[in-house]
């Protein structure tokens, strides 16, 4: 039987999101982004799982094969679903990092100050090619440091063992309805709406 991927709930209702996230996304975008885009990645994962059950592994090759394309699109949709889970969990706060004391201390240790971190994070997120993500990750398998990483699309540029704590979606559908081409403005709005208490729980869970 194929594995069933779950479409995870946000930490607030769709109705609550309209007011909690109003400074980051429009009410329509909050609905479309979650219930269409995000849900679509999970739906695709389940379709891929079903097709993989009967895919011909013996036909796999580097030029083209059905199983190869299924595996490739699994990576895309898995990353999309996971990063959106984190994106929604990050939002709905007042942007006060003091509400995440442990992760704030780690940020200050790794970046010198919270303001230095914000500048570096924003630069990473602005620099993603056309669409993608700005991420704060714990580099669990190598340096143990906190790193700001830019990811093109959902996965190009991701690092092995990098567990995302903060995930800022800079695909155009995430902000155009409210801010138009103002990606930098949308990132500022995202940072001002972060829920550092939830981010802190992620940090304590995965920092070892």
C-alpha atoms as a PDB file:
ATOM      1  CA  UNK A   1       0.000   0.000   0.000  1.00  0.00           C
ATOM      2  CA  UNK A   2       1.321   3.455  -0.933  1.00  0.00           C
ATOM      3  CA  UNK A   3       2.393   5.811   1.825  1.00  0.00           C
ATOM      4  CA  UNK A   4      -0.141   8.598   2.440  1.00  0.00           C
ATOM      5  CA  UNK A   5       1.277  12.102   2.851  1.00  0.00           C
ATOM      6  CA  UNK A   6      -0.711  14.393   5.136  1.00  0.00           C
ATOM      7  CA  UNK A   7      -1.763  17.983   4.469  1.00  0.00           C
ATOM      8  CA  UNK A   8      -0.850  19.558   7.809  1.00  0.00           C
ATOM      9  CA  UNK A   9      -3.000  22.185   9.478  1.00  0.00           C
ATOM     10  CA  UNK A  10      -1.690  25.662  10.137  1.00  0.00           C
ATOM     11  CA  UNK A  11      -1.430  26.753  13.797  1.00  0.00           C
ATOM     12  CA  UNK A  12      -4.422  29.053  13.196  1.00  0.00           C
ATOM     13  CA  UNK A  13      -7.658  28.734  11.256  1.00  0.00           C
ATOM     14  CA  UNK A  14      -8.210  30.090   7.754  1.00  0.00           C
ATOM     15  CA  UNK A  15     -10.421  32.784   9.248  1.00  0.00           C
ATOM     16  CA  UNK A  16      -7.820  33.741  11.859  1.00  0.00           C
ATOM     17  CA  UNK A  17      -5.172  33.927   9.141  1.00  0.00           C
ATOM     18  CA  UNK A  18      -7.006  36.798   7.466  1.00  0.00           C
ATOM     19  CA  UNK A  19      -6.264  39.099  10.404  1.00  0.00           C
ATOM     20  CA  UNK A  20      -3.071  37.506  11.777  1.00  0.00           C
ATOM     21  CA  UNK A  21      -1.277  37.645   8.427  1.00  0.00           C
ATOM     22  CA  UNK A  22      -2.844  40.792   6.942  1.00  0.00           C
ATOM     23  CA  UNK A  23       0.444  42.737   7.051  1.00  0.00           C
ATOM     24  CA  UNK A  24       2.221  39.952   5.132  1.00  0.00           C
ATOM     25  CA  UNK A  25      -0.319  38.629   2.618  1.00  0.00           C
ATOM     26  CA  UNK A  26      -3.789  39.547   1.462  1.00  0.00           C
ATOM     27  CA  UNK A  27      -6.713  37.501   2.745  1.00  0.00           C
ATOM     28  CA  UNK A  28      -7.137  35.995  -0.723  1.00  0.00           C
ATOM     29  CA  UNK A  29      -3.470  35.033  -0.950  1.00  0.00           C
ATOM     30  CA  UNK A  30      -3.575  33.418   2.484  1.00  0.00           C
ATOM     31  CA  UNK A  31      -6.393  31.203   1.232  1.00  0.00           C
ATOM     32  CA  UNK A  32      -5.018  30.468  -2.254  1.00  0.00           C
ATOM     33  CA  UNK A  33      -1.481  29.921  -1.061  1.00  0.00           C
ATOM     34  CA  UNK A  34      -2.444  27.428   1.616  1.00  0.00           C
ATOM     35  CA  UNK A  35      -5.498  25.686   0.199  1.00  0.00           C
ATOM     36  CA  UNK A  36      -4.377  25.578  -3.462  1.00  0.00           C
ATOM     37  CA  UNK A  37      -0.586  25.860  -3.799  1.00  0.00           C
ATOM     38  CA  UNK A  38       0.465  24.169  -0.559  1.00  0.00           C
ATOM     39  CA  UNK A  39      -2.211  21.500  -0.709  1.00  0.00           C
ATOM     40  CA  UNK A  40      -1.255  20.833  -4.321  1.00  0.00           C
ATOM     41  CA  UNK A  41       2.222  19.646  -3.304  1.00  0.00           C
ATOM     42  CA  UNK A  42       0.729  17.112  -0.892  1.00  0.00           C
ATOM     43  CA  UNK A  43      -1.791  15.915  -3.473  1.00  0.00           C
ATOM     44  CA  UNK A  44       1.044  15.454  -5.973  1.00  0.00           C
ATOM     45  CA  UNK A  45       3.110  13.495  -3.439  1.00  0.00           C
ATOM     46  CA  UNK A  46       0.280  11.038  -2.998  1.00  0.00           C
ATOM     47  CA  UNK A  47      -0.176  10.694  -6.758  1.00  0.00           C
ATOM     48  CA  UNK A  48       3.550  10.014  -7.132  1.00  0.00           C
ATOM     49  CA  UNK A  49       3.477   7.411  -4.345  1.00  0.00           C
ATOM     50  CA  UNK A  50       0.686   5.554  -6.118  1.00  0.00           C
ATOM     51  CA  UNK A  51       2.438   5.641  -9.495  1.00  0.00           C
ATOM     52  CA  UNK A  52       5.719   4.469  -7.988  1.00  0.00           C
ATOM     53  CA  UNK A  53       4.038   1.250  -6.866  1.00  0.00           C
ATOM     54  CA  UNK A  54       3.820   0.038 -10.459  1.00  0.00           C
ATOM     55  CA  UNK A  55       6.633   2.020 -12.133  1.00  0.00           C
ATOM     56  CA  UNK A  56       9.086  -0.087 -14.146  1.00  0.00           C
ATOM     57  CA  UNK A  57      12.412   0.199 -12.288  1.00  0.00           C
ATOM     58  CA  UNK A  58      14.173  -1.857 -14.957  1.00  0.00           C
ATOM     59  CA  UNK A  59      13.590   0.922 -17.513  1.00  0.00           C
ATOM     60  CA  UNK A  60      15.388   3.568 -15.418  1.00  0.00           C
ATOM     61  CA  UNK A  61      18.144   5.496 -17.234  1.00  0.00           C
ATOM     62  CA  UNK A  62      19.779   8.924 -17.272  1.00  0.00           C
ATOM     63  CA  UNK A  63      18.120  10.218 -20.440  1.00  0.00           C
ATOM     64  CA  UNK A  64      14.482   9.627 -19.611  1.00  0.00           C
ATOM     65  CA  UNK A  65      12.435   7.169 -17.625  1.00  0.00           C
ATOM     66  CA  UNK A  66       9.072   7.351 -15.923  1.00  0.00           C
ATOM     67  CA  UNK A  67      10.497   6.259 -12.573  1.00  0.00           C
ATOM     68  CA  UNK A  68      13.225   8.883 -12.857  1.00  0.00           C
ATOM     69  CA  UNK A  69      10.708  11.669 -13.421  1.00  0.00           C
ATOM     70  CA  UNK A  70       8.566  10.448 -10.536  1.00  0.00           C
ATOM     71  CA  UNK A  71      11.595  10.494  -8.218  1.00  0.00           C
ATOM     72  CA  UNK A  72      12.556  13.981  -9.447  1.00  0.00           C
ATOM     73  CA  UNK A  73       9.084  15.406  -8.894  1.00  0.00           C
ATOM     74  CA  UNK A  74       8.875  13.737  -5.489  1.00  0.00           C
ATOM     75  CA  UNK A  75      11.850  15.845  -4.400  1.00  0.00           C
ATOM     76  CA  UNK A  76      10.181  19.012  -5.716  1.00  0.00           C
ATOM     77  CA  UNK A  77       6.820  18.366  -4.065  1.00  0.00           C
ATOM     78  CA  UNK A  78       8.303  17.069  -0.809  1.00  0.00           C
ATOM     79  CA  UNK A  79      10.379  20.243  -0.428  1.00  0.00           C
ATOM     80  CA  UNK A  80       7.392  22.403  -1.319  1.00  0.00           C
ATOM     81  CA  UNK A  81       5.142  20.745   1.256  1.00  0.00           C
ATOM     82  CA  UNK A  82       7.751  20.791   4.028  1.00  0.00           C
ATOM     83  CA  UNK A  83       8.873  24.393   3.549  1.00  0.00           C
ATOM     84  CA  UNK A  84       5.289  25.614   3.467  1.00  0.00           C
ATOM     85  CA  UNK A  85       4.564  23.834   6.766  1.00  0.00           C
ATOM     86  CA  UNK A  86       7.418  25.830   8.312  1.00  0.00           C
ATOM     87  CA  UNK A  87       6.428  29.072   6.551  1.00  0.00           C
ATOM     88  CA  UNK A  88       2.924  29.046   8.018  1.00  0.00           C
ATOM     89  CA  UNK A  89       4.173  28.030  11.476  1.00  0.00           C
ATOM     90  CA  UNK A  90       6.644  30.938  11.404  1.00  0.00           C
ATOM     91  CA  UNK A  91       3.906  33.515  10.850  1.00  0.00           C
ATOM     92  CA  UNK A  92       1.268  35.036  13.077  1.00  0.00           C
ATOM     93  CA  UNK A  93       3.485  36.717  15.681  1.00  0.00           C
ATOM     94  CA  UNK A  94       4.657  40.217  16.495  1.00  0.00           C
ATOM     95  CA  UNK A  95       8.233  39.821  15.309  1.00  0.00           C
ATOM     96  CA  UNK A  96       9.725  40.145  18.809  1.00  0.00           C
ATOM     97  CA  UNK A  97      12.778  37.841  19.019  1.00  0.00           C
ATOM     98  CA  UNK A  98      12.861  38.160  22.824  1.00  0.00           C
ATOM     99  CA  UNK A  99       9.992  35.651  22.818  1.00  0.00           C
ATOM    100  CA  UNK A 100      12.491  33.061  21.544  1.00  0.00           C
ATOM    101  CA  UNK A 101      15.368  33.463  24.012  1.00  0.00           C
ATOM    102  CA  UNK A 102      17.344  30.336  23.126  1.00  0.00           C
ATOM    103  CA  UNK A 103      17.251  30.834  19.381  1.00  0.00           C
ATOM    104  CA  UNK A 104      17.931  34.554  19.816  1.00  0.00           C
ATOM    105  CA  UNK A 105      21.064  33.768  21.835  1.00  0.00           C
ATOM    106  CA  UNK A 106      22.194  31.381  19.083  1.00  0.00           C
ATOM    107  CA  UNK A 107      21.553  34.005  16.391  1.00  0.00           C
ATOM    108  CA  UNK A 108      23.545  36.609  18.321  1.00  0.00           C
ATOM    109  CA  UNK A 109      26.398  34.134  18.781  1.00  0.00           C
ATOM    110  CA  UNK A 110      26.503  33.143  15.106  1.00  0.00           C
ATOM    111  CA  UNK A 111      25.807  36.513  13.477  1.00  0.00           C
ATOM    112  CA  UNK A 112      27.062  39.008  16.055  1.00  0.00           C
ATOM    113  CA  UNK A 113      23.655  40.610  16.560  1.00  0.00           C
ATOM    114  CA  UNK A 114      20.019  40.138  15.648  1.00  0.00           C
ATOM    115  CA  UNK A 115      20.224  43.087  13.250  1.00  0.00           C
ATOM    116  CA  UNK A 116      23.186  41.497  11.470  1.00  0.00           C
ATOM    117  CA  UNK A 117      21.150  38.319  11.092  1.00  0.00           C
ATOM    118  CA  UNK A 118      18.181  40.215   9.635  1.00  0.00           C
ATOM    119  CA  UNK A 119      20.366  41.978   7.066  1.00  0.00           C
ATOM    120  CA  UNK A 120      22.001  38.725   5.991  1.00  0.00           C
ATOM    121  CA  UNK A 121      18.697  36.828   5.907  1.00  0.00           C
ATOM    122  CA  UNK A 122      17.032  39.527   3.810  1.00  0.00           C
ATOM    123  CA  UNK A 123      19.976  39.600   1.389  1.00  0.00           C
ATOM    124  CA  UNK A 124      19.742  35.814   0.963  1.00  0.00           C
ATOM    125  CA  UNK A 125      15.977  35.861   0.401  1.00  0.00           C
ATOM    126  CA  UNK A 126      16.130  38.778  -2.064  1.00  0.00           C
ATOM    127  CA  UNK A 127      18.846  36.938  -4.031  1.00  0.00           C
ATOM    128  CA  UNK A 128      16.878  33.759  -4.779  1.00  0.00           C
ATOM    129  CA  UNK A 129      16.557  33.377  -8.550  1.00  0.00           C
ATOM    130  CA  UNK A 130      13.100  34.384  -9.758  1.00  0.00           C
ATOM    131  CA  UNK A 131      11.418  32.218  -7.140  1.00  0.00           C
ATOM    132  CA  UNK A 132      12.537  30.304  -4.103  1.00  0.00           C
ATOM    133  CA  UNK A 133      13.175  30.679  -0.406  1.00  0.00           C
ATOM    134  CA  UNK A 134      15.305  32.377   2.209  1.00  0.00           C
ATOM    135  CA  UNK A 135      16.032  29.985   5.064  1.00  0.00           C
ATOM    136  CA  UNK A 136      17.593  30.077   8.509  1.00  0.00           C
ATOM    137  CA  UNK A 137      18.858  26.547   9.117  1.00  0.00           C
ATOM    138  CA  UNK A 138      20.758  24.579  11.728  1.00  0.00           C
ATOM    139  CA  UNK A 139      23.724  22.930   9.986  1.00  0.00           C
ATOM    140  CA  UNK A 140      23.325  19.717  11.964  1.00  0.00           C
ATOM    141  CA  UNK A 141      25.649  17.407  10.025  1.00  0.00           C
ATOM    142  CA  UNK A 142      28.687  19.636   9.541  1.00  0.00           C
ATOM    143  CA  UNK A 143      29.411  22.877  11.424  1.00  0.00           C
ATOM    144  CA  UNK A 144      26.548  22.917  13.932  1.00  0.00           C
ATOM    145  CA  UNK A 145      26.136  26.630  13.140  1.00  0.00           C
ATOM    146  CA  UNK A 146      23.073  28.629  12.227  1.00  0.00           C
ATOM    147  CA  UNK A 147      23.263  29.591   8.548  1.00  0.00           C
ATOM    148  CA  UNK A 148      21.160  31.723   6.231  1.00  0.00           C
ATOM    149  CA  UNK A 149      20.725  29.819   2.984  1.00  0.00           C
ATOM    150  CA  UNK A 150      19.053  30.834  -0.257  1.00  0.00           C
ATOM    151  CA  UNK A 151      17.222  28.134  -2.169  1.00  0.00           C
ATOM    152  CA  UNK A 152      16.205  28.519  -5.806  1.00  0.00           C
ATOM    153  CA  UNK A 153      12.819  26.957  -6.509  1.00  0.00           C
ATOM    154  CA  UNK A 154      12.271  24.504  -3.611  1.00  0.00           C
ATOM    155  CA  UNK A 155      15.551  22.671  -3.344  1.00  0.00           C
ATOM    156  CA  UNK A 156      18.443  23.985  -5.472  1.00  0.00           C
ATOM    157  CA  UNK A 157      20.984  25.277  -2.965  1.00  0.00           C
ATOM    158  CA  UNK A 158      19.678  23.378   0.059  1.00  0.00           C
ATOM    159  CA  UNK A 159      22.377  21.826   2.242  1.00  0.00           C
ATOM    160  CA  UNK A 160      22.427  18.274   3.597  1.00  0.00           C
ATOM    161  CA  UNK A 161      21.458  18.255   7.253  1.00  0.00           C
ATOM    162  CA  UNK A 162      20.260  21.860   7.182  1.00  0.00           C
ATOM    163  CA  UNK A 163      17.075  21.885   9.276  1.00  0.00           C
ATOM    164  CA  UNK A 164      14.973  24.982   8.490  1.00  0.00           C
ATOM    165  CA  UNK A 165      13.877  27.131  11.415  1.00  0.00           C
ATOM    166  CA  UNK A 166      12.700  30.138   9.404  1.00  0.00           C
ATOM    167  CA  UNK A 167      11.402  29.781   5.853  1.00  0.00           C
ATOM    168  CA  UNK A 168      10.494  32.860   3.802  1.00  0.00           C
ATOM    169  CA  UNK A 169       8.667  32.111   0.558  1.00  0.00           C
ATOM    170  CA  UNK A 170       9.748  34.478  -2.226  1.00  0.00           C
ATOM    171  CA  UNK A 171       7.862  32.824  -5.059  1.00  0.00           C
ATOM    172  CA  UNK A 172       5.911  35.655  -6.673  1.00  0.00           C
ATOM    173  CA  UNK A 173       2.545  34.094  -5.797  1.00  0.00           C
ATOM    174  CA  UNK A 174       3.417  34.595  -2.106  1.00  0.00           C
ATOM    175  CA  UNK A 175       3.421  38.391  -2.237  1.00  0.00           C
ATOM    176  CA  UNK A 176       2.434  39.881  -5.613  1.00  0.00           C
ATOM    177  CA  UNK A 177      -1.242  40.240  -4.764  1.00  0.00           C
ATOM    178  CA  UNK A 178      -0.318  42.596  -1.902  1.00  0.00           C
ATOM    179  CA  UNK A 179       3.119  44.062  -2.645  1.00  0.00           C
ATOM    180  CA  UNK A 180       3.486  43.658  -6.419  1.00  0.00           C
ATOM    181  CA  UNK A 181       7.166  43.413  -7.408  1.00  0.00           C
ATOM    182  CA  UNK A 182       8.259  44.617  -3.963  1.00  0.00           C
ATOM    183  CA  UNK A 183      10.066  41.467  -2.835  1.00  0.00           C
ATOM    184  CA  UNK A 184      12.213  43.373  -0.316  1.00  0.00           C
ATOM    185  CA  UNK A 185       9.103  44.953   1.227  1.00  0.00           C
ATOM    186  CA  UNK A 186       7.424  41.561   1.487  1.00  0.00           C
ATOM    187  CA  UNK A 187      10.469  40.147   3.309  1.00  0.00           C
ATOM    188  CA  UNK A 188      10.389  43.047   5.780  1.00  0.00           C
ATOM    189  CA  UNK A 189       6.696  42.336   6.413  1.00  0.00           C
ATOM    190  CA  UNK A 190       7.456  38.638   6.885  1.00  0.00           C
ATOM    191  CA  UNK A 191      10.191  39.365   9.453  1.00  0.00           C
ATOM    192  CA  UNK A 192       7.890  41.733  11.362  1.00  0.00           C
ATOM    193  CA  UNK A 193       5.223  39.009  11.643  1.00  0.00           C
ATOM    194  CA  UNK A 194       7.415  36.130  12.861  1.00  0.00           C
ATOM    195  CA  UNK A 195       6.272  34.065  15.815  1.00  0.00           C
ATOM    196  CA  UNK A 196       9.562  33.643  17.659  1.00  0.00           C
ATOM    197  CA  UNK A 197       8.042  31.464  20.378  1.00  0.00           C
ATOM    198  CA  UNK A 198       7.244  28.778  17.783  1.00  0.00           C
ATOM    199  CA  UNK A 199      10.629  29.224  16.101  1.00  0.00           C
ATOM    200  CA  UNK A 200      12.258  28.794  19.507  1.00  0.00           C
ATOM    201  CA  UNK A 201      10.495  25.458  19.972  1.00  0.00           C
ATOM    202  CA  UNK A 202      11.873  24.274  16.621  1.00  0.00           C
ATOM    203  CA  UNK A 203      15.342  25.365  17.683  1.00  0.00           C
ATOM    204  CA  UNK A 204      15.189  23.550  21.033  1.00  0.00           C
ATOM    205  CA  UNK A 205      13.855  20.408  19.351  1.00  0.00           C
ATOM    206  CA  UNK A 206      16.550  20.190  16.671  1.00  0.00           C
ATOM    207  CA  UNK A 207      19.607  21.899  18.128  1.00  0.00           C
ATOM    208  CA  UNK A 208      20.651  18.764  20.024  1.00  0.00           C
END
